[in-house]
Protein backbone atom coordinates (compact mmCIF):
# COMPACT_ATOMS: atom_id res chain seq x y z
CA MET A 1 7.60 -19.67 16.05
CA LYS A 2 5.23 -17.28 14.32
CA ASP A 3 3.93 -14.48 16.55
CA VAL A 4 1.23 -11.91 15.79
CA TYR A 5 1.66 -8.45 17.30
CA ALA A 6 -0.54 -5.37 16.94
CA LEU A 7 0.27 -2.00 18.45
CA HIS A 8 -3.45 -1.21 18.87
CA ASN A 9 -6.51 -3.42 19.38
CA ILE A 10 -9.90 -2.35 18.06
CA VAL A 11 -12.73 -3.47 20.34
CA ASP A 12 -15.22 -0.67 19.64
CA ASP A 13 -16.52 0.65 16.31
CA VAL A 14 -16.89 4.20 17.61
CA HIS A 15 -13.92 4.83 19.89
CA PHE A 16 -10.50 3.91 18.52
CA PRO A 17 -7.16 3.63 20.38
CA PHE A 18 -5.50 5.78 17.68
CA ASP A 19 -6.44 8.85 15.66
CA PRO A 20 -8.84 7.62 12.93
CA ALA A 21 -8.48 10.86 10.95
CA ALA A 22 -4.71 10.41 10.79
CA TYR A 23 -5.22 6.77 9.79
CA SER A 24 -7.51 7.83 6.94
CA ARG A 25 -4.99 10.36 5.67
CA PHE A 26 -2.27 7.71 5.93
CA LYS A 27 -4.28 5.38 3.70
CA PHE A 28 -4.50 8.13 1.09
CA GLY A 29 -0.81 9.01 0.98
CA ASP A 30 -0.01 11.15 4.02
CA GLY A 31 3.70 10.41 4.39
CA ALA A 32 3.99 12.15 7.75
CA ALA A 33 1.30 9.88 9.21
CA ALA A 34 3.01 6.85 7.63
CA GLU A 35 6.27 7.77 9.33
CA ALA A 36 4.59 8.33 12.69
CA PHE A 37 2.81 4.96 12.47
CA GLY A 38 5.99 3.16 11.40
CA ALA A 39 8.04 4.66 14.22
CA ALA A 40 5.35 3.80 16.79
CA LEU A 41 5.08 0.23 15.51
CA ALA A 42 8.85 -0.21 15.69
CA ALA A 43 8.93 1.12 19.26
CA GLY A 44 6.17 -1.31 20.26
CA PHE A 45 7.88 -4.25 18.57
CA ILE A 46 11.22 -3.46 20.20
CA ALA A 47 9.63 -3.10 23.64
CA THR A 48 7.85 -6.45 23.26
CA TYR A 49 10.38 -8.56 21.36
CA GLY A 50 13.70 -6.72 21.57
CA ASN A 51 15.07 -9.14 24.17
CA ARG A 52 14.52 -12.03 21.73
CA LEU A 53 16.76 -10.51 19.08
CA SER A 54 20.44 -11.34 19.01
CA GLU A 55 23.54 -10.70 16.93
CA ASN A 56 23.02 -14.12 15.34
CA ASP A 57 19.63 -13.15 13.92
CA GLN A 58 19.48 -11.78 10.40
CA LEU A 59 16.16 -9.98 10.22
CA VAL A 60 14.25 -9.40 6.98
CA VAL A 61 11.40 -6.88 6.90
CA ILE A 62 8.69 -7.63 4.33
CA PRO A 63 5.78 -5.21 3.72
CA SER A 64 2.34 -6.29 2.51
CA PRO A 65 2.31 -7.65 -1.06
CA TYR A 66 1.97 -5.27 -3.99
CA THR A 67 2.38 -5.30 -7.75
CA SER A 68 4.17 -2.13 -8.83
CA ILE A 69 2.65 0.76 -6.87
CA PRO A 70 3.42 0.41 -3.14
CA THR A 71 0.65 0.21 -0.58
CA ALA A 72 0.22 2.75 2.21
CA SER A 73 1.70 0.21 4.60
CA TYR A 74 4.88 0.10 2.50
CA HIS A 75 5.59 3.72 3.42
CA MET A 76 4.90 2.89 7.07
CA THR A 77 7.31 -0.03 6.79
CA VAL A 78 10.11 2.18 5.48
CA MET A 79 10.11 4.16 8.74
CA PHE A 80 9.59 1.01 10.81
CA THR A 81 12.78 -0.43 9.30
CA LYS A 82 14.77 2.75 9.92
CA VAL A 83 13.84 2.83 13.62
CA LEU A 84 14.44 -0.90 14.01
CA ASN A 85 17.85 -0.60 12.36
CA ARG A 86 18.85 2.23 14.70
CA TYR A 87 18.07 -0.08 17.62
CA LEU A 88 20.04 -2.95 16.06
CA CYS A 89 23.01 -0.72 15.24
CA MET A 90 23.27 0.58 18.81
CA ARG A 91 23.60 -3.01 20.01
CA GLY A 92 26.16 -4.05 17.44
CA TYR A 93 23.73 -6.19 15.44
CA ASN A 94 23.43 -6.34 11.66
CA PRO A 95 20.74 -4.10 10.16
CA ALA A 96 17.55 -5.71 8.91
CA GLU A 97 17.37 -6.54 5.23
CA THR A 98 14.29 -5.87 3.15
CA THR A 99 12.54 -7.70 0.36
CA LYS A 100 9.18 -7.87 -1.36
CA ILE A 101 6.32 -10.31 -1.86
CA HIS A 102 5.63 -10.02 -5.57
CA ARG A 103 1.96 -9.89 -6.40
CA PHE A 104 0.80 -10.63 -9.92
CA LYS A 105 -2.80 -9.49 -9.79
CA THR A 106 -4.61 -6.27 -9.02
CA TYR A 107 -8.31 -5.42 -8.78
CA SER A 108 -10.57 -2.41 -8.58
CA ILE A 109 -12.94 -3.63 -5.86
CA ASP A 110 -12.59 -1.80 -2.53
CA TYR A 111 -11.32 -4.59 -0.28
CA GLY A 112 -12.16 -2.72 2.92
CA ALA A 113 -15.90 -2.83 2.21
CA LEU A 114 -16.07 -6.64 2.00
CA ASP A 115 -17.01 -9.27 4.55
CA MET A 116 -14.73 -12.20 5.38
CA GLU A 117 -16.03 -14.63 2.76
CA SER A 118 -15.94 -12.01 0.00
CA ARG A 119 -12.36 -11.16 0.92
CA LYS A 120 -11.31 -14.78 0.68
CA ALA A 121 -13.11 -15.21 -2.63
CA LEU A 122 -11.42 -12.11 -4.03
CA ILE A 123 -7.84 -13.00 -3.16
CA ILE A 124 -7.98 -16.79 -3.56
CA ASN A 125 -6.80 -16.54 -7.18
CA ASP A 126 -4.02 -14.06 -6.47
CA LYS A 127 -0.50 -15.21 -7.30
CA TYR A 128 2.49 -14.35 -5.12
CA HIS A 129 6.23 -14.97 -5.21
CA LEU A 130 8.96 -14.92 -2.56
CA ASP A 131 12.71 -15.33 -2.99
CA LYS A 132 13.13 -18.58 -1.04
CA ASP A 133 16.92 -18.69 -1.30
CA PHE A 134 17.26 -15.16 0.05
CA LEU A 135 15.01 -15.90 3.06
CA LEU A 136 16.43 -19.25 4.16
CA GLY A 137 17.51 -19.27 7.80
CA LYS A 138 16.51 -15.66 8.49
CA THR A 139 13.98 -14.19 10.92
CA LEU A 140 11.07 -12.72 8.95
CA ILE A 141 9.07 -9.64 9.94
CA PHE A 142 5.87 -9.16 7.92
CA THR A 143 4.29 -5.74 8.32
CA ASP A 144 0.85 -4.37 7.49
CA ASP A 145 -1.28 -1.50 8.68
CA ILE A 146 -4.36 -3.38 9.90
CA ARG A 147 -5.55 -6.93 10.52
CA ILE A 148 -9.30 -7.36 10.15
CA THR A 149 -10.05 -10.98 9.19
CA GLY A 150 -6.51 -12.31 8.83
CA SER A 151 -7.10 -13.31 5.19
CA HIS A 152 -3.88 -11.78 3.88
CA GLU A 153 -1.92 -13.23 6.78
CA LEU A 154 -3.30 -16.66 5.93
CA ILE A 155 -2.14 -16.19 2.33
CA ILE A 156 1.39 -15.44 3.57
CA ARG A 157 1.39 -18.37 5.99
CA ASN A 158 0.31 -20.67 3.15
CA LEU A 159 2.98 -19.15 0.93
CA LEU A 160 5.67 -19.92 3.51
CA GLN A 161 4.38 -23.46 3.78
CA ARG A 162 4.39 -23.90 0.01
CA TYR A 163 7.99 -22.68 -0.18
CA GLU A 164 8.91 -24.92 2.79
CA LEU A 165 10.12 -21.94 4.81
CA ASP A 166 9.84 -22.78 8.49
CA ASN A 167 11.52 -19.56 9.62
CA THR A 168 10.86 -17.71 12.83
CA ALA A 169 8.38 -15.05 11.75
CA TYR A 170 6.52 -12.09 13.18
CA PHE A 171 3.30 -10.65 11.75
CA LEU A 172 3.16 -7.01 12.80
CA TYR A 173 0.21 -4.62 12.50
CA TYR A 174 -0.41 -1.06 13.49
CA ALA A 175 -3.90 -2.17 14.56
CA GLN A 176 -6.08 -5.28 14.59
CA LEU A 177 -9.78 -5.95 15.04
CA GLN A 178 -10.28 -7.85 18.29
CA ASN A 179 -14.09 -7.84 18.44
CA SER A 180 -15.65 -10.48 16.17
CA SER A 181 -19.09 -8.88 16.51
CA ILE A 182 -17.89 -5.87 14.51
CA HIS A 183 -18.37 -6.23 10.75
CA PRO A 184 -15.13 -6.27 8.71
CA ASN A 185 -16.31 -3.18 6.83
CA ILE A 186 -15.09 -1.23 9.87
CA GLU A 187 -11.95 -1.06 7.75
CA ASN A 188 -13.82 1.09 5.24
CA LYS A 189 -15.05 3.37 7.99
CA LEU A 190 -11.44 3.96 9.01
CA ASN A 191 -10.19 4.32 5.43
CA TYR A 192 -12.70 7.06 4.63
CA TYR A 193 -12.95 8.64 8.06
CA ASN A 194 -11.22 11.83 6.97
CA VAL A 195 -10.82 11.42 3.22
CA HIS A 196 -14.17 10.78 1.53
CA SER A 197 -14.12 12.98 -1.58
CA LEU A 198 -11.61 14.48 -3.99
CA GLN A 199 -12.09 17.79 -2.20
CA SER A 200 -11.04 16.27 1.12
CA LEU A 201 -8.17 14.45 -0.62
CA GLU A 202 -6.69 17.75 -1.85
CA ALA A 203 -5.31 18.62 1.57
CA VAL A 204 -3.37 15.34 1.58
CA ILE A 205 -1.97 15.48 -1.95
CA CYS A 206 -0.93 19.12 -1.52
CA SER A 207 1.21 18.23 1.48
CA PRO A 208 4.99 18.02 0.92
CA SER A 209 4.92 14.60 2.62
CA PHE A 210 2.44 13.12 0.11
CA ARG A 211 3.35 9.68 -1.27
CA PHE A 212 1.49 7.86 -4.03
CA ASN A 213 0.05 4.45 -3.14
CA THR A 214 -2.37 2.01 -4.75
CA ARG A 215 -5.42 3.31 -2.89
CA VAL A 216 -4.99 6.96 -3.78
CA VAL A 217 -4.23 6.19 -7.44
CA LYS A 218 -7.34 4.04 -7.82
CA TYR A 219 -9.46 6.57 -5.95
CA ILE A 220 -8.41 9.42 -8.23
CA LEU A 221 -8.81 7.39 -11.43
CA HIS A 222 -12.26 6.16 -10.40
CA ALA A 223 -13.64 9.60 -9.48
CA PRO A 224 -16.52 11.21 -11.41
CA PHE A 225 -15.01 12.80 -14.50
CA ALA A 226 -15.99 16.41 -13.79
CA GLU A 227 -14.45 16.29 -10.30
CA TYR A 228 -11.43 14.39 -11.62
CA GLU A 229 -10.77 16.96 -14.36
CA GLN A 230 -11.09 19.81 -11.86
CA LEU A 231 -8.57 18.15 -9.53
CA LEU A 232 -6.06 17.42 -12.29
CA MET A 233 -6.06 20.99 -13.57
CA LYS A 234 -4.78 22.14 -10.17
CA GLN A 235 -1.81 19.75 -10.07
CA THR A 236 1.79 20.22 -11.16
CA PRO A 237 3.19 18.47 -14.24
CA ALA A 238 5.38 16.37 -11.92
CA PHE A 239 2.32 15.14 -10.02
CA LEU A 240 0.47 14.35 -13.24
CA GLN A 241 3.39 12.41 -14.67
CA GLU A 242 3.79 10.34 -11.51
CA LEU A 243 0.06 9.60 -11.50
CA ALA A 244 0.29 8.52 -15.14
CA ASP A 245 3.33 6.34 -14.49
CA CYS A 246 1.51 4.64 -11.60
CA CYS A 247 -1.50 4.11 -13.83
CA ILE A 248 0.69 2.49 -16.48
CA SER A 249 2.78 0.34 -14.13
CA ASN A 250 -0.26 -1.37 -12.59
CA ASN A 251 -2.12 -1.60 -15.92
CA TYR A 252 -4.98 0.52 -14.59
CA TYR A 253 -5.38 2.21 -17.98
CA GLN A 254 -6.54 -1.18 -19.32
CA MET A 255 -9.28 -1.58 -16.70
CA GLU A 256 -12.75 -0.42 -17.65
CA GLU A 257 -13.34 1.43 -14.37
CA TYR A 258 -10.30 3.67 -14.88
CA ARG A 259 -9.91 3.85 -18.66
CA LYS A 260 -11.76 7.12 -19.38
CA ASN A 261 -9.90 9.08 -16.73
CA ALA A 262 -6.57 7.49 -17.64
CA ILE A 263 -6.97 8.38 -21.32
CA PHE A 264 -7.83 11.97 -20.42
CA LEU A 265 -4.67 12.15 -18.31
CA PHE A 266 -2.50 10.79 -21.13
CA ASP A 267 -4.03 13.22 -23.63
CA HIS A 268 -3.50 16.15 -21.28
CA LEU A 269 0.15 15.23 -20.71
CA GLN A 270 0.70 15.17 -24.49
CA LYS A 271 -0.55 18.75 -24.64
CA ILE A 272 1.59 20.17 -21.83
CA ILE A 273 4.84 18.13 -21.82
CA PRO A 274 6.98 17.86 -25.00
CA SER A 275 8.50 14.53 -24.00
CA TRP A 276 5.04 12.97 -23.89
CA GLN A 277 4.41 14.25 -27.42
CA SER A 278 7.59 12.62 -28.70
CA ILE A 279 6.99 9.20 -27.12
CA CYS A 280 3.40 9.10 -28.33
CA LYS A 281 4.20 10.22 -31.86
CA LYS A 282 4.51 7.56 -34.53
CA GLU A 283 7.55 7.82 -36.78
CA ASN A 284 6.77 10.25 -39.63
CA GLY A 285 3.22 10.40 -38.37
CA PRO A 286 0.92 12.52 -36.23
CA ILE A 287 0.85 12.47 -32.44
CA LEU A 288 -1.16 9.50 -31.22
CA ASN A 289 -4.56 10.47 -29.88
CA TYR A 290 -5.39 8.00 -27.13
CA GLN A 291 -9.10 8.47 -27.67
CA ASN A 292 -8.70 6.99 -31.15
CA SER A 293 -6.22 4.30 -30.16
CA GLN A 294 -6.72 0.70 -29.13
CA LEU A 295 -6.83 1.90 -25.52
CA ALA A 296 -10.11 3.71 -26.13
């Protein structure tokens, strides 16, 4: 059995059954919105499927695939799992386990702007990995924020088939598109509904609940340089270091679209944080200038 459940169904491209502004902030790192969405999704799942769960089920919650930097839906999934586990605990059941679908490719194209065929063409060469031995015999719960064409779900279904995992599985979404006459780029409309510039992003990243994710990192690194520099100069050293670490972990500094802004960030960190000077300094040599290195 493999069921698909969405908390909200999108049938109109103007009126949405949830707050589109909150959804947009969520996609750009609003942790409070992520927690609210995760809690609501868990409540909906429990109301719909709670009577199917039993003490003999070992649940495993698996967020949408990512490389190193989590997606926005990962942060939603963290709260989903907490609420689900509270429900399981109160009934004497084992808490849900968690794991990850490892993804070995990343890209700079904005997936939300593509049509169905372009989405399939983009992700067809992606490589994924699951821990088959860990998942054997368990009930799987795959979570994501939105289902537009089902392309990513198809990838996961094919992955399960390739690994010969015939587990009971649920595919859960905060929302799904239920009107085929609406173009898939409705996803982009939702993504940028409230956050559509670095200026509008500032309110999100200044919030104490802000969480880095792939979208916000790529958006910052791909911004026009003058706006990017202005934004960076307002941020704390801790923020800048986390942004740099995200950039490094997903290899964004090696991608042409992000390289200039990434190099500027690295150079700036060398100037303001001693530890960055020491790690970038060659033995008995001057501090490495990224603009003159092989990264430039």
